[in-house]
């Protein structure tokens, strides 16, 4: 018998997340430690690459305190196009506008950060599993964006505290390399707490 579909998981996750109290500061502190370590590892290669994040929507971890740590940058954020499905990446410090769905994003005229300059991506999601699978909002923007990047680029799923054993996946879904929660930033797969 087939398990729950992605749509059923979205309903479950949204209901569960509505009751969660997200410790935004704990997530950001864990991310700051991860980015500092990433910067130390990449120091011999020269100029620091961009850390790509997002402007939070309702129910997502707010990265504002991480973005406020100027020693960790440069930071960039994604832009969802009005037409098409290709996310673009722009400096956090550039001009912004309100998307029709209410979230803040860079303007179309803001300078674009090239994919090959990206050092890591902080990825929002509705749900994540221990294996690094991510359930987004269903449009596939982030999966298409992550597929463009070098496979070695760290992809950190920002869980907001909602991690399950296993989610359904499709061939185009992009796996996370790490998950971030109040537990810190851990490489996937996460150990089974019951195993």
C-alpha atoms as a PDB file:
ATOM      1  CA  UNK A   1       0.000   0.000   0.000  1.00  0.00           C
ATOM      2  CA  UNK A   2       1.337   3.421  -0.992  1.00  0.00           C
ATOM      3  CA  UNK A   3       2.279   5.917   1.694  1.00  0.00           C
ATOM      4  CA  UNK A   4       1.052   9.495   1.947  1.00  0.00           C
ATOM      5  CA  UNK A   5       1.442  11.665  -1.164  1.00  0.00           C
ATOM      6  CA  UNK A   6       3.395  14.908  -1.195  1.00  0.00           C
ATOM      7  CA  UNK A   7       0.143  16.853  -0.941  1.00  0.00           C
ATOM      8  CA  UNK A   8      -0.900  14.819   2.109  1.00  0.00           C
ATOM      9  CA  UNK A   9       2.520  15.431   3.669  1.00  0.00           C
ATOM     10  CA  UNK A  10       2.128  19.166   3.021  1.00  0.00           C
ATOM     11  CA  UNK A  11      -1.191  19.157   4.879  1.00  0.00           C
ATOM     12  CA  UNK A  12       0.333  17.204   7.779  1.00  0.00           C
ATOM     13  CA  UNK A  13       3.430  19.390   7.904  1.00  0.00           C
ATOM     14  CA  UNK A  14       1.484  22.659   7.776  1.00  0.00           C
ATOM     15  CA  UNK A  15      -0.799  21.479  10.584  1.00  0.00           C
ATOM     16  CA  UNK A  16       2.169  20.377  12.713  1.00  0.00           C
ATOM     17  CA  UNK A  17       4.217  23.490  12.005  1.00  0.00           C
ATOM     18  CA  UNK A  18       1.311  25.692  13.087  1.00  0.00           C
ATOM     19  CA  UNK A  19       1.832  24.334  16.613  1.00  0.00           C
ATOM     20  CA  UNK A  20       5.642  24.529  16.650  1.00  0.00           C
ATOM     21  CA  UNK A  21       7.480  27.358  18.346  1.00  0.00           C
ATOM     22  CA  UNK A  22      10.493  28.049  16.142  1.00  0.00           C
ATOM     23  CA  UNK A  23      13.647  29.154  17.910  1.00  0.00           C
ATOM     24  CA  UNK A  24      14.917  31.443  15.151  1.00  0.00           C
ATOM     25  CA  UNK A  25      17.980  32.448  17.188  1.00  0.00           C
ATOM     26  CA  UNK A  26      19.042  28.818  17.728  1.00  0.00           C
ATOM     27  CA  UNK A  27      18.776  28.110  13.998  1.00  0.00           C
ATOM     28  CA  UNK A  28      20.759  31.244  13.141  1.00  0.00           C
ATOM     29  CA  UNK A  29      23.458  30.521  15.756  1.00  0.00           C
ATOM     30  CA  UNK A  30      23.906  27.020  14.308  1.00  0.00           C
ATOM     31  CA  UNK A  31      24.077  28.439  10.785  1.00  0.00           C
ATOM     32  CA  UNK A  32      26.611  31.075  11.856  1.00  0.00           C
ATOM     33  CA  UNK A  33      28.895  28.367  13.268  1.00  0.00           C
ATOM     34  CA  UNK A  34      28.506  26.334  10.066  1.00  0.00           C
ATOM     35  CA  UNK A  35      29.292  29.325   7.823  1.00  0.00           C
ATOM     36  CA  UNK A  36      32.353  30.245   9.936  1.00  0.00           C
ATOM     37  CA  UNK A  37      33.683  26.686   9.541  1.00  0.00           C
ATOM     38  CA  UNK A  38      32.923  26.769   5.808  1.00  0.00           C
ATOM     39  CA  UNK A  39      34.848  30.041   5.487  1.00  0.00           C
ATOM     40  CA  UNK A  40      37.867  28.557   7.304  1.00  0.00           C
ATOM     41  CA  UNK A  41      37.845  25.480   5.035  1.00  0.00           C
ATOM     42  CA  UNK A  42      37.641  27.602   1.868  1.00  0.00           C
ATOM     43  CA  UNK A  43      40.155  30.273   2.950  1.00  0.00           C
ATOM     44  CA  UNK A  44      43.029  28.922   0.792  1.00  0.00           C
ATOM     45  CA  UNK A  45      40.874  29.265  -2.334  1.00  0.00           C
ATOM     46  CA  UNK A  46      40.750  33.054  -2.049  1.00  0.00           C
ATOM     47  CA  UNK A  47      37.666  35.269  -2.191  1.00  0.00           C
ATOM     48  CA  UNK A  48      34.649  34.104  -0.208  1.00  0.00           C
ATOM     49  CA  UNK A  49      31.675  32.819  -2.174  1.00  0.00           C
ATOM     50  CA  UNK A  50      28.109  33.931  -1.557  1.00  0.00           C
ATOM     51  CA  UNK A  51      25.866  32.351   1.071  1.00  0.00           C
ATOM     52  CA  UNK A  52      22.370  32.240  -0.439  1.00  0.00           C
ATOM     53  CA  UNK A  53      19.395  32.532   1.879  1.00  0.00           C
ATOM     54  CA  UNK A  54      15.835  33.778   1.606  1.00  0.00           C
ATOM     55  CA  UNK A  55      13.474  36.351   3.044  1.00  0.00           C
ATOM     56  CA  UNK A  56      11.190  34.318   5.320  1.00  0.00           C
ATOM     57  CA  UNK A  57       7.522  33.703   4.643  1.00  0.00           C
ATOM     58  CA  UNK A  58       5.067  32.833   7.429  1.00  0.00           C
ATOM     59  CA  UNK A  59       6.111  29.623   9.167  1.00  0.00           C
ATOM     60  CA  UNK A  60       9.722  29.751   7.937  1.00  0.00           C
ATOM     61  CA  UNK A  61      12.845  30.383   9.992  1.00  0.00           C
ATOM     62  CA  UNK A  62      13.703  34.089   9.898  1.00  0.00           C
ATOM     63  CA  UNK A  63      17.370  34.492   8.939  1.00  0.00           C
ATOM     64  CA  UNK A  64      17.563  38.211   9.867  1.00  0.00           C
ATOM     65  CA  UNK A  65      19.959  37.738  12.806  1.00  0.00           C
ATOM     66  CA  UNK A  66      22.281  35.628  10.617  1.00  0.00           C
ATOM     67  CA  UNK A  67      22.196  38.247   7.866  1.00  0.00           C
ATOM     68  CA  UNK A  68      23.026  40.882  10.466  1.00  0.00           C
ATOM     69  CA  UNK A  69      26.432  39.284  11.119  1.00  0.00           C
ATOM     70  CA  UNK A  70      28.482  41.130   8.510  1.00  0.00           C
ATOM     71  CA  UNK A  71      31.591  39.034   9.258  1.00  0.00           C
ATOM     72  CA  UNK A  72      29.905  36.002   7.701  1.00  0.00           C
ATOM     73  CA  UNK A  73      28.892  37.464   4.317  1.00  0.00           C
ATOM     74  CA  UNK A  74      28.562  38.085   1.549  1.00  0.00           C
ATOM     75  CA  UNK A  75      24.899  37.098   1.680  1.00  0.00           C
ATOM     76  CA  UNK A  76      22.498  36.829  -1.218  1.00  0.00           C
ATOM     77  CA  UNK A  77      18.795  36.017  -1.496  1.00  0.00           C
ATOM     78  CA  UNK A  78      16.622  34.467  -4.163  1.00  0.00           C
ATOM     79  CA  UNK A  79      14.127  36.198  -6.422  1.00  0.00           C
ATOM     80  CA  UNK A  80      11.010  34.435  -7.701  1.00  0.00           C
ATOM     81  CA  UNK A  81      10.154  35.639 -11.220  1.00  0.00           C
ATOM     82  CA  UNK A  82       6.736  36.989 -12.187  1.00  0.00           C
ATOM     83  CA  UNK A  83       6.884  34.801 -15.302  1.00  0.00           C
ATOM     84  CA  UNK A  84       8.782  31.534 -15.633  1.00  0.00           C
ATOM     85  CA  UNK A  85      10.309  29.234 -13.052  1.00  0.00           C
ATOM     86  CA  UNK A  86      13.990  30.185 -12.816  1.00  0.00           C
ATOM     87  CA  UNK A  87      15.023  31.661  -9.462  1.00  0.00           C
ATOM     88  CA  UNK A  88      17.716  34.299  -9.668  1.00  0.00           C
ATOM     89  CA  UNK A  89      20.132  35.247  -6.896  1.00  0.00           C
ATOM     90  CA  UNK A  90      20.940  38.821  -5.857  1.00  0.00           C
ATOM     91  CA  UNK A  91      22.938  40.559  -3.128  1.00  0.00           C
ATOM     92  CA  UNK A  92      21.050  40.895   0.147  1.00  0.00           C
ATOM     93  CA  UNK A  93      21.958  44.598   0.165  1.00  0.00           C
ATOM     94  CA  UNK A  94      20.284  45.370  -3.174  1.00  0.00           C
ATOM     95  CA  UNK A  95      16.900  47.002  -3.818  1.00  0.00           C
ATOM     96  CA  UNK A  96      13.815  44.985  -2.836  1.00  0.00           C
ATOM     97  CA  UNK A  97      10.122  44.796  -3.662  1.00  0.00           C
ATOM     98  CA  UNK A  98       7.081  42.935  -2.336  1.00  0.00           C
ATOM     99  CA  UNK A  99       6.173  39.796  -4.343  1.00  0.00           C
ATOM    100  CA  UNK A 100       2.481  39.306  -5.137  1.00  0.00           C
ATOM    101  CA  UNK A 101       2.398  36.535  -2.480  1.00  0.00           C
ATOM    102  CA  UNK A 102       3.566  39.010   0.155  1.00  0.00           C
ATOM    103  CA  UNK A 103       7.222  38.166   0.732  1.00  0.00           C
ATOM    104  CA  UNK A 104      10.120  40.560   0.220  1.00  0.00           C
ATOM    105  CA  UNK A 105      12.517  39.868  -2.644  1.00  0.00           C
ATOM    106  CA  UNK A 106      15.162  41.594  -4.786  1.00  0.00           C
ATOM    107  CA  UNK A 107      13.954  43.681  -7.725  1.00  0.00           C
ATOM    108  CA  UNK A 108      14.430  42.350 -11.249  1.00  0.00           C
ATOM    109  CA  UNK A 109      16.990  45.108 -11.895  1.00  0.00           C
ATOM    110  CA  UNK A 110      19.225  44.171  -8.927  1.00  0.00           C
ATOM    111  CA  UNK A 111      22.642  42.790  -9.957  1.00  0.00           C
ATOM    112  CA  UNK A 112      22.630  38.996 -10.303  1.00  0.00           C
ATOM    113  CA  UNK A 113      25.034  36.698  -8.431  1.00  0.00           C
ATOM    114  CA  UNK A 114      26.410  34.050 -10.793  1.00  0.00           C
ATOM    115  CA  UNK A 115      25.785  30.403  -9.915  1.00  0.00           C
ATOM    116  CA  UNK A 116      29.522  29.628  -9.872  1.00  0.00           C
ATOM    117  CA  UNK A 117      30.059  32.242  -7.110  1.00  0.00           C
ATOM    118  CA  UNK A 118      27.707  30.476  -4.661  1.00  0.00           C
ATOM    119  CA  UNK A 119      29.410  28.818  -1.671  1.00  0.00           C
ATOM    120  CA  UNK A 120      26.300  27.407   0.083  1.00  0.00           C
ATOM    121  CA  UNK A 121      22.500  27.588  -0.059  1.00  0.00           C
ATOM    122  CA  UNK A 122      20.162  27.855   2.945  1.00  0.00           C
ATOM    123  CA  UNK A 123      16.976  26.197   1.736  1.00  0.00           C
ATOM    124  CA  UNK A 124      13.498  26.695   3.237  1.00  0.00           C
ATOM    125  CA  UNK A 125      10.971  23.872   3.169  1.00  0.00           C
ATOM    126  CA  UNK A 126       7.652  22.668   4.498  1.00  0.00           C
ATOM    127  CA  UNK A 127       9.179  19.364   5.663  1.00  0.00           C
ATOM    128  CA  UNK A 128      12.469  17.481   5.519  1.00  0.00           C
ATOM    129  CA  UNK A 129      13.420  13.892   6.166  1.00  0.00           C
ATOM    130  CA  UNK A 130      16.460  12.229   7.755  1.00  0.00           C
ATOM    131  CA  UNK A 131      17.840  11.363   4.297  1.00  0.00           C
ATOM    132  CA  UNK A 132      17.915  14.989   3.138  1.00  0.00           C
ATOM    133  CA  UNK A 133      14.735  14.970   1.058  1.00  0.00           C
ATOM    134  CA  UNK A 134      12.829  18.245   1.081  1.00  0.00           C
ATOM    135  CA  UNK A 135       9.184  19.025   0.594  1.00  0.00           C
ATOM    136  CA  UNK A 136       8.680  22.535  -0.705  1.00  0.00           C
ATOM    137  CA  UNK A 137       5.522  24.441  -1.496  1.00  0.00           C
ATOM    138  CA  UNK A 138       5.042  22.526  -4.742  1.00  0.00           C
ATOM    139  CA  UNK A 139       6.205  24.815  -7.551  1.00  0.00           C
ATOM    140  CA  UNK A 140       9.729  23.351  -7.872  1.00  0.00           C
ATOM    141  CA  UNK A 141      11.596  26.675  -7.924  1.00  0.00           C
ATOM    142  CA  UNK A 142      14.303  25.605  -5.470  1.00  0.00           C
ATOM    143  CA  UNK A 143      14.781  22.160  -7.053  1.00  0.00           C
ATOM    144  CA  UNK A 144      15.424  23.725 -10.464  1.00  0.00           C
ATOM    145  CA  UNK A 145      17.787  26.281  -8.899  1.00  0.00           C
ATOM    146  CA  UNK A 146      19.769  23.676  -6.918  1.00  0.00           C
ATOM    147  CA  UNK A 147      20.082  21.471 -10.022  1.00  0.00           C
ATOM    148  CA  UNK A 148      22.022  24.307 -11.714  1.00  0.00           C
ATOM    149  CA  UNK A 149      24.701  24.407  -9.016  1.00  0.00           C
ATOM    150  CA  UNK A 150      27.899  22.415  -8.658  1.00  0.00           C
ATOM    151  CA  UNK A 151      26.948  19.172  -6.864  1.00  0.00           C
ATOM    152  CA  UNK A 152      29.569  19.864  -4.176  1.00  0.00           C
ATOM    153  CA  UNK A 153      27.795  23.089  -3.088  1.00  0.00           C
ATOM    154  CA  UNK A 154      26.424  22.615   0.456  1.00  0.00           C
ATOM    155  CA  UNK A 155      22.607  22.703   0.567  1.00  0.00           C
ATOM    156  CA  UNK A 156      21.372  23.226   4.114  1.00  0.00           C
ATOM    157  CA  UNK A 157      17.694  22.505   4.723  1.00  0.00           C
ATOM    158  CA  UNK A 158      16.288  24.925   7.317  1.00  0.00           C
ATOM    159  CA  UNK A 159      13.842  22.652   9.120  1.00  0.00           C
ATOM    160  CA  UNK A 160      12.007  24.884  11.548  1.00  0.00           C
ATOM    161  CA  UNK A 161      11.875  21.789  13.725  1.00  0.00           C
ATOM    162  CA  UNK A 162       9.886  19.541  11.357  1.00  0.00           C
ATOM    163  CA  UNK A 163      11.869  16.437  10.316  1.00  0.00           C
ATOM    164  CA  UNK A 164      10.263  13.059   9.547  1.00  0.00           C
ATOM    165  CA  UNK A 165      11.686   9.601   8.823  1.00  0.00           C
ATOM    166  CA  UNK A 166      11.016   9.569   5.071  1.00  0.00           C
ATOM    167  CA  UNK A 167       9.195  11.689   2.492  1.00  0.00           C
ATOM    168  CA  UNK A 168       8.060  10.681  -1.008  1.00  0.00           C
ATOM    169  CA  UNK A 169      10.388  11.930  -3.747  1.00  0.00           C
ATOM    170  CA  UNK A 170      10.388  12.473  -7.493  1.00  0.00           C
ATOM    171  CA  UNK A 171      13.399  12.144  -9.833  1.00  0.00           C
ATOM    172  CA  UNK A 172      13.810  15.951 -10.104  1.00  0.00           C
ATOM    173  CA  UNK A 173      13.925  16.503  -6.315  1.00  0.00           C
ATOM    174  CA  UNK A 174      17.267  17.779  -5.023  1.00  0.00           C
ATOM    175  CA  UNK A 175      18.657  16.339  -1.790  1.00  0.00           C
ATOM    176  CA  UNK A 176      20.062  18.474   0.989  1.00  0.00           C
ATOM    177  CA  UNK A 177      23.624  17.821   2.156  1.00  0.00           C
ATOM    178  CA  UNK A 178      22.836  19.083   5.688  1.00  0.00           C
ATOM    179  CA  UNK A 179      19.847  19.872   7.888  1.00  0.00           C
ATOM    180  CA  UNK A 180      19.644  22.759  10.342  1.00  0.00           C
ATOM    181  CA  UNK A 181      17.429  22.796  13.414  1.00  0.00           C
ATOM    182  CA  UNK A 182      17.691  23.572  17.086  1.00  0.00           C
ATOM    183  CA  UNK A 183      19.980  20.499  17.102  1.00  0.00           C
ATOM    184  CA  UNK A 184      22.553  22.422  15.039  1.00  0.00           C
ATOM    185  CA  UNK A 185      23.664  21.777  11.462  1.00  0.00           C
ATOM    186  CA  UNK A 186      24.191  18.097  10.726  1.00  0.00           C
ATOM    187  CA  UNK A 187      25.236  16.238   7.600  1.00  0.00           C
ATOM    188  CA  UNK A 188      22.606  13.872   6.225  1.00  0.00           C
ATOM    189  CA  UNK A 189      21.603  11.152   6.584  1.00  0.00           C
ATOM    190  CA  UNK A 190      20.672  11.837  10.194  1.00  0.00           C
ATOM    191  CA  UNK A 191      20.899   8.906  12.566  1.00  0.00           C
ATOM    192  CA  UNK A 192      17.620   7.186  13.360  1.00  0.00           C
ATOM    193  CA  UNK A 193      16.851   8.130  16.971  1.00  0.00           C
ATOM    194  CA  UNK A 194      15.124   4.752  17.413  1.00  0.00           C
ATOM    195  CA  UNK A 195      17.883   2.762  15.688  1.00  0.00           C
END
